[in-house]
C-alpha cells in the first residue's frame, strides 16, 4: 500500500496544477476557489447555488490549492474561498488581510481541531496512544505495510497547508526518522483508514474534525503536550525555501476554526453579497454531514448543494436579507 500511495501523490499534484493552469478566462460573474476536501467542496457548491438564487450571479467553483486561491483573491482572479483554516493560514491572513487588505475574512467561524489519530487496534494492541509512541521503532514497526522496515503515515494532501505543518511536527517530535510520511489526496488516505478498519490492521494518520471518519470508525486521537505559542514556529514554503529547517513545533495544534474568505473588492462591487458572506454560518454537525454525503455516499456536490439550499431556504434568505 505505501509504495502505491507514494506513486499516486506526485501524479495527483501534477494533475491539480495542470488543471488550474488550463482554466479558461472568466466567463462567470464570480470564481469560488474550491478546496480538495469534502466539506470545503460542499460549502463551495452551497455558496454557488445560494448566490445564484439570492443575487442572480453565476459562480464557477474551481478546484485549487489555498496558496493559489489567496493569490487569486489578492489579484482579483478569485472572489471567494469557502473554508480558510486558522491557525494554519495565519501567515497568509497577516499578508493579505492585515497587510495588503485585499482579502477579507468572515467573522463567523466553525470550531474545529487537528492532530494525529490511530485506529483502535493501533492504540489498544500496539500501544500507540501518545505522540511519543511514534518515535518508538518497536511500536511503529507494526505500521510497516510494504516491508521496507519503516512504518507509513498519511499526513495530508499535497496542497494542504496542514500537510507541511505536519511534516514540521514530525521532524520536531522526531518520528520522521521512524515513519515514511505520505502525501496524497484525502480520498486515498481515507481509503487506507477504511481498509485498516476492515482488516483489523493498525494505522496512524493525520486527522481533523469535523469529519465523517469519526462517524464511520472508532478512532483514537493521540495525546500531545498542550499548545504553547513559544514552541510553535511555522514558516510557510511560500515565504522561505528553507521553511522546513527553520520551522519547529513540539506541541499540539492550537484550537482551530475555519471561515469564509473573499476578495475585499466585493464590498464595492457587490456589497450585498459581501454582507451575505459575513453572515453565512454552519455548525460542526453540518460539516460532518457534508463530509459524509460527499466522501462516503459519493453524492454529487452540485446536487447535494441544490438539495441543501432548498431545505434551508429560509435560513439562506436570512443570510442574504436579514
Protein backbone atom coordinates (compact mmCIF):
# COMPACT_ATOMS: atom_id res chain seq x y z
CA UNK A 1 0.00 0.00 0.00
CA UNK A 2 2.73 2.50 0.95
CA UNK A 3 4.58 2.07 -2.37
CA UNK A 4 1.38 2.66 -4.35
CA UNK A 5 0.44 5.74 -2.32
CA UNK A 6 3.85 7.36 -2.82
CA UNK A 7 3.44 6.96 -6.57
CA UNK A 8 -0.02 8.48 -6.56
CA UNK A 9 0.97 11.64 -4.71
CA UNK A 10 3.09 13.48 -7.35
CA UNK A 11 0.71 12.42 -10.11
CA UNK A 12 -2.28 13.87 -8.28
CA UNK A 13 -0.38 17.11 -7.61
CA UNK A 14 0.65 17.47 -11.25
CA UNK A 15 -2.94 16.92 -12.38
CA UNK A 16 -4.22 19.54 -9.94
CA UNK A 17 -1.71 22.18 -11.05
CA UNK A 18 -2.23 21.49 -14.74
CA UNK A 19 -6.00 21.73 -14.31
CA UNK A 20 -5.64 25.17 -12.74
CA UNK A 21 -3.19 26.31 -15.42
CA UNK A 22 -5.61 25.18 -18.12
CA UNK A 23 -8.56 27.05 -16.59
CA UNK A 24 -10.03 29.39 -19.20
CA UNK A 25 -10.58 33.10 -18.68
CA UNK A 26 -13.50 34.22 -16.53
CA UNK A 27 -16.88 33.69 -18.09
CA UNK A 28 -19.00 33.53 -14.93
CA UNK A 29 -19.67 36.52 -12.67
CA UNK A 30 -17.67 35.02 -9.79
CA UNK A 31 -14.99 32.39 -9.14
CA UNK A 32 -15.13 30.30 -5.96
CA UNK A 33 -11.86 28.57 -5.05
CA UNK A 34 -12.92 25.03 -4.20
CA UNK A 35 -10.72 23.02 -1.79
CA UNK A 36 -9.99 19.35 -2.43
CA UNK A 37 -11.60 18.14 0.80
CA UNK A 38 -15.24 17.12 1.09
CA UNK A 39 -16.72 19.75 3.43
CA UNK A 40 -14.98 22.52 1.50
CA UNK A 41 -16.33 21.19 -1.79
CA UNK A 42 -19.84 21.01 -0.35
CA UNK A 43 -19.63 24.54 1.03
CA UNK A 44 -18.29 25.88 -2.26
CA UNK A 45 -21.29 24.48 -4.10
CA UNK A 46 -23.76 25.61 -1.43
CA UNK A 47 -22.43 29.15 -1.84
CA UNK A 48 -22.60 28.79 -5.62
CA UNK A 49 -26.26 27.74 -5.56
CA UNK A 50 -27.25 30.24 -2.88
CA UNK A 51 -25.56 33.17 -4.64
CA UNK A 52 -27.34 32.32 -7.87
CA UNK A 53 -30.73 32.13 -6.15
CA UNK A 54 -30.34 35.20 -3.95
CA UNK A 55 -28.35 37.56 -6.16
CA UNK A 56 -28.69 36.22 -9.70
CA UNK A 57 -24.92 35.91 -10.03
CA UNK A 58 -23.33 32.91 -11.73
CA UNK A 59 -20.31 31.44 -9.98
CA UNK A 60 -17.79 28.84 -11.11
CA UNK A 61 -16.41 26.51 -8.42
CA UNK A 62 -12.81 25.80 -9.46
CA UNK A 63 -10.63 23.37 -7.51
CA UNK A 64 -7.31 24.91 -6.48
CA UNK A 65 -4.85 24.90 -3.61
CA UNK A 66 -5.12 27.50 -0.87
CA UNK A 67 -1.88 29.32 -1.75
CA UNK A 68 -3.09 29.74 -5.34
CA UNK A 69 -6.52 30.76 -4.07
CA UNK A 70 -5.14 33.53 -1.86
CA UNK A 71 -3.00 34.84 -4.69
CA UNK A 72 -6.18 34.85 -6.81
CA UNK A 73 -8.16 36.67 -4.13
CA UNK A 74 -5.38 39.24 -3.98
CA UNK A 75 -5.20 39.73 -7.77
CA UNK A 76 -8.95 39.68 -8.41
CA UNK A 77 -8.98 36.38 -10.33
CA UNK A 78 -10.77 34.64 -7.42
CA UNK A 79 -13.71 36.03 -5.43
CA UNK A 80 -14.44 33.56 -2.62
CA UNK A 81 -12.72 30.80 -0.64
CA UNK A 82 -15.29 28.78 1.35
CA UNK A 83 -13.10 27.26 4.07
CA UNK A 84 -9.96 29.01 5.30
CA UNK A 85 -8.49 27.14 8.27
CA UNK A 86 -6.84 29.01 11.11
CA UNK A 87 -4.26 28.94 12.63
CA UNK A 88 -2.93 27.04 9.60
CA UNK A 89 -3.10 30.10 7.39
CA UNK A 90 -2.27 32.84 9.88
CA UNK A 91 0.71 33.84 7.73
CA UNK A 92 -1.49 34.36 4.67
CA UNK A 93 -4.07 36.24 6.72
CA UNK A 94 -1.34 38.54 8.01
CA UNK A 95 -0.08 39.13 4.47
CA UNK A 96 -3.32 39.58 2.56
CA UNK A 97 -5.92 40.55 5.19
CA UNK A 98 -3.98 42.54 7.79
CA UNK A 99 -1.24 43.77 5.45
CA UNK A 100 -2.48 44.26 1.89
CA UNK A 101 -6.15 44.48 2.84
CA UNK A 102 -7.05 42.74 -0.43
CA UNK A 103 -8.76 39.79 1.30
CA UNK A 104 -11.49 39.81 3.94
CA UNK A 105 -12.32 37.04 6.43
CA UNK A 106 -15.84 36.44 7.72
CA UNK A 107 -16.06 36.89 11.50
CA UNK A 108 -18.12 33.70 11.79
CA UNK A 109 -16.09 30.52 12.04
CA UNK A 110 -16.71 26.81 12.52
CA UNK A 111 -14.89 25.36 15.57
CA UNK A 112 -12.51 22.53 14.67
CA UNK A 113 -9.41 20.67 15.79
CA UNK A 114 -6.42 18.96 14.18
CA UNK A 115 -3.99 16.28 15.28
CA UNK A 116 -2.78 12.71 14.79
CA UNK A 117 -5.14 9.76 15.12
CA UNK A 118 -4.83 6.00 15.34
CA UNK A 119 -7.18 3.13 14.73
CA UNK A 120 -8.44 1.45 17.90
CA UNK A 121 -6.29 -1.57 17.01
CA UNK A 122 -3.13 0.58 16.86
CA UNK A 123 -3.92 2.14 20.25
CA UNK A 124 -5.09 -0.88 22.22
CA UNK A 125 -2.94 -3.69 20.81
CA UNK A 126 0.23 -1.87 19.75
CA UNK A 127 0.20 0.82 22.41
CA UNK A 128 0.26 3.83 20.08
CA UNK A 129 -1.64 6.31 22.23
CA UNK A 130 0.68 9.29 22.65
CA UNK A 131 2.68 11.26 20.09
CA UNK A 132 5.89 9.99 21.75
CA UNK A 133 4.95 6.43 20.79
CA UNK A 134 5.61 7.30 17.15
CA UNK A 135 9.32 7.59 17.98
CA UNK A 136 9.43 4.02 19.31
CA UNK A 137 10.63 1.72 16.49
CA UNK A 138 9.20 -1.35 18.23
CA UNK A 139 5.73 0.20 18.07
CA UNK A 140 5.96 1.80 14.62
CA UNK A 141 7.17 -1.48 13.08
CA UNK A 142 3.50 -2.51 13.16
CA UNK A 143 2.73 0.33 10.74
CA UNK A 144 5.05 -1.03 8.00
CA UNK A 145 2.82 -2.15 5.11
CA UNK A 146 5.40 -2.52 2.32
CA UNK A 147 8.20 -4.37 4.10
CA UNK A 148 10.83 -1.64 3.83
CA UNK A 149 11.40 -1.56 7.59
CA UNK A 150 9.64 1.78 8.11
CA UNK A 151 6.06 2.42 9.05
CA UNK A 152 3.92 4.74 6.96
CA UNK A 153 1.69 7.62 7.97
CA UNK A 154 -0.57 9.80 5.82
CA UNK A 155 -0.06 13.45 6.74
CA UNK A 156 -2.47 15.08 4.27
CA UNK A 157 -2.84 16.18 0.67
CA UNK A 158 -0.02 17.96 -1.13
CA UNK A 159 -1.85 21.28 -1.39
CA UNK A 160 -2.97 21.49 2.25
CA UNK A 161 -1.16 23.96 4.49
CA UNK A 162 -1.63 21.50 7.35
CA UNK A 163 0.43 18.89 5.49
CA UNK A 164 3.58 21.00 5.61
CA UNK A 165 2.94 21.73 9.27
CA UNK A 166 2.54 18.00 9.99
CA UNK A 167 5.92 17.43 8.31
CA UNK A 168 7.39 20.07 10.60
CA UNK A 169 5.82 18.40 13.61
CA UNK A 170 7.16 15.00 12.56
CA UNK A 171 10.68 16.43 12.32
CA UNK A 172 10.37 18.34 15.58
CA UNK A 173 8.98 15.43 17.59
CA UNK A 174 11.47 13.07 15.91
CA UNK A 175 9.14 10.45 14.46
CA UNK A 176 10.07 11.41 10.89
CA UNK A 177 13.09 9.14 11.50
CA UNK A 178 10.79 6.16 12.10
CA UNK A 179 7.99 6.76 9.62
CA UNK A 180 7.60 7.42 5.91
CA UNK A 181 5.35 10.47 5.67
CA UNK A 182 2.85 10.13 2.82
CA UNK A 183 1.17 12.99 0.98
CA UNK A 184 -1.75 12.17 -1.27
CA UNK A 185 -5.41 13.09 -1.85
CA UNK A 186 -7.77 12.69 1.07
CA UNK A 187 -9.81 10.02 -0.72
CA UNK A 188 -6.72 7.79 -0.84
CA UNK A 189 -5.82 8.48 2.78
CA UNK A 190 -9.33 7.73 3.99
CA UNK A 191 -9.49 4.58 1.83
CA UNK A 192 -6.44 3.37 3.76
CA UNK A 193 -8.28 4.01 7.03
CA UNK A 194 -11.30 2.06 5.75
CA UNK A 195 -9.07 -0.83 4.69
CA UNK A 196 -7.22 -0.90 8.01
CA UNK A 197 -10.52 -1.00 9.91
CA UNK A 198 -11.91 -3.74 7.67
CA UNK A 199 -8.81 -5.93 8.11
CA UNK A 200 -8.16 -5.03 11.76
CA UNK A 201 -4.73 -3.59 10.95
CA UNK A 202 -3.02 -0.76 12.86
CA UNK A 203 -2.84 2.64 11.19
CA UNK A 204 -1.84 6.15 12.22
CA UNK A 205 -2.78 9.23 10.21
CA UNK A 206 -3.28 12.99 10.31
CA UNK A 207 -6.85 13.83 11.27
CA UNK A 208 -9.15 16.76 11.75
CA UNK A 209 -12.67 17.42 12.90
CA UNK A 210 -15.41 17.94 11.99
CA UNK A 211 -15.07 14.94 9.66
CA UNK A 212 -17.11 11.90 8.71
CA UNK A 213 -14.34 9.45 9.67
CA UNK A 214 -15.40 9.73 13.32
CA UNK A 215 -18.92 8.71 12.36
CA UNK A 216 -17.64 5.68 10.48
CA UNK A 217 -14.92 4.27 12.71
CA UNK A 218 -13.68 4.01 16.30
CA UNK A 219 -10.74 6.42 16.07
CA UNK A 220 -8.34 7.46 18.84
CA UNK A 221 -6.69 10.88 18.92
CA UNK A 222 -3.10 10.68 20.14
CA UNK A 223 -2.32 12.74 23.23
CA UNK A 224 0.27 15.51 22.94
CA UNK A 225 1.79 18.28 25.05
CA UNK A 226 -0.69 21.19 25.08
CA UNK A 227 -0.29 24.02 22.63
CA UNK A 228 2.35 26.57 23.60
CA UNK A 229 2.90 29.55 21.27
CA UNK A 230 6.53 29.74 22.38
CA UNK A 231 7.10 26.24 20.97
CA UNK A 232 5.16 26.76 17.72
CA UNK A 233 7.23 28.40 14.99
CA UNK A 234 5.93 27.77 11.47
CA UNK A 235 7.44 29.21 8.29
CA UNK A 236 5.39 28.69 5.12
CA UNK A 237 7.02 27.22 1.99
CA UNK A 238 5.85 30.32 0.11
CA UNK A 239 7.84 32.52 2.49
CA UNK A 240 11.20 30.75 2.57
CA UNK A 241 12.74 27.87 0.56
CA UNK A 242 14.31 26.66 3.81
CA UNK A 243 10.93 26.64 5.58
CA UNK A 244 11.27 23.09 6.91
CA UNK A 245 14.61 23.59 8.62
CA UNK A 246 13.53 26.97 10.01
CA UNK A 247 10.26 25.66 11.47
CA UNK A 248 9.61 23.80 14.71
CA UNK A 249 6.54 22.61 16.60
CA UNK A 250 6.80 20.24 19.56
CA UNK A 251 3.29 20.76 20.92
CA UNK A 252 -0.30 20.09 19.88
CA UNK A 253 -2.12 22.31 17.42
CA UNK A 254 -3.84 25.39 18.79
CA UNK A 255 -7.65 25.32 18.78
CA UNK A 256 -8.74 25.59 15.15
CA UNK A 257 -11.62 27.23 13.30
CA UNK A 258 -12.36 27.93 9.67
CA UNK A 259 -14.00 30.85 7.90
CA UNK A 260 -15.17 32.08 4.52
CA UNK A 261 -12.69 34.43 2.84
CA UNK A 262 -13.49 36.78 -0.01
CA UNK A 263 -11.86 39.46 -2.13
CA UNK A 264 -12.22 42.81 -0.37
CA UNK A 265 -13.23 44.34 -3.70
CA UNK A 266 -16.60 42.57 -3.35
CA UNK A 267 -17.52 45.20 -0.78
CA UNK A 268 -17.64 47.78 -3.56
CA UNK A 269 -18.56 45.52 -6.49
CA UNK A 270 -21.33 43.58 -4.71
CA UNK A 271 -21.81 44.97 -1.19
CA UNK A 272 -24.94 42.88 -0.63
CA UNK A 273 -23.01 39.72 -1.46
CA UNK A 274 -20.13 40.69 0.85
CA UNK A 275 -22.65 41.20 3.66
CA UNK A 276 -24.16 37.79 2.88
CA UNK A 277 -20.76 36.09 3.13
CA UNK A 278 -20.25 37.75 6.53
CA UNK A 279 -23.46 36.14 7.83
CA UNK A 280 -23.15 32.59 6.49
CA UNK A 281 -22.87 30.19 9.44
CA UNK A 282 -22.56 26.41 9.64
CA UNK A 283 -22.47 24.11 12.66
CA UNK A 284 -19.82 21.37 13.08
CA UNK A 285 -22.56 18.73 12.78
CA UNK A 286 -23.48 20.13 9.37
CA UNK A 287 -19.86 19.95 8.24
CA UNK A 288 -19.79 16.28 9.27
CA UNK A 289 -22.97 15.66 7.26
CA UNK A 290 -21.42 17.39 4.24
CA UNK A 291 -18.28 15.29 4.56
CA UNK A 292 -20.32 12.10 4.89
CA UNK A 293 -22.53 12.89 1.90
CA UNK A 294 -19.65 13.59 -0.48
CA UNK A 295 -16.98 11.23 0.80
CA UNK A 296 -19.00 8.23 1.95
CA UNK A 297 -22.23 8.39 -0.02
CA UNK A 298 -20.43 9.81 -3.09
CA UNK A 299 -23.10 12.45 -3.63
CA UNK A 300 -22.58 14.87 -6.49
CA UNK A 301 -21.59 18.22 -4.87
CA UNK A 302 -23.88 20.28 -7.09
CA UNK A 303 -26.91 18.07 -6.49
CA UNK A 304 -26.18 17.96 -2.76
CA UNK A 305 -25.91 21.75 -2.65
CA UNK A 306 -29.17 22.29 -4.52
CA UNK A 307 -30.96 19.99 -2.08
CA UNK A 308 -29.31 21.65 0.94
CA UNK A 309 -30.23 25.17 -0.19
CA UNK A 310 -33.80 24.09 -0.90
CA UNK A 311 -34.18 22.53 2.57
CA UNK A 312 -32.63 25.59 4.23
CA UNK A 313 -34.34 28.24 2.08
CA UNK A 314 -35.47 30.49 4.96
CA UNK A 315 -32.06 30.37 6.57
CA UNK A 316 -30.29 31.25 3.32
CA UNK A 317 -32.77 34.08 2.75
CA UNK A 318 -31.95 35.44 6.23
CA UNK A 319 -28.25 35.41 5.38
CA UNK A 320 -28.98 37.38 2.22
CA UNK A 321 -31.61 39.80 3.56
CA UNK A 322 -31.78 39.77 7.36
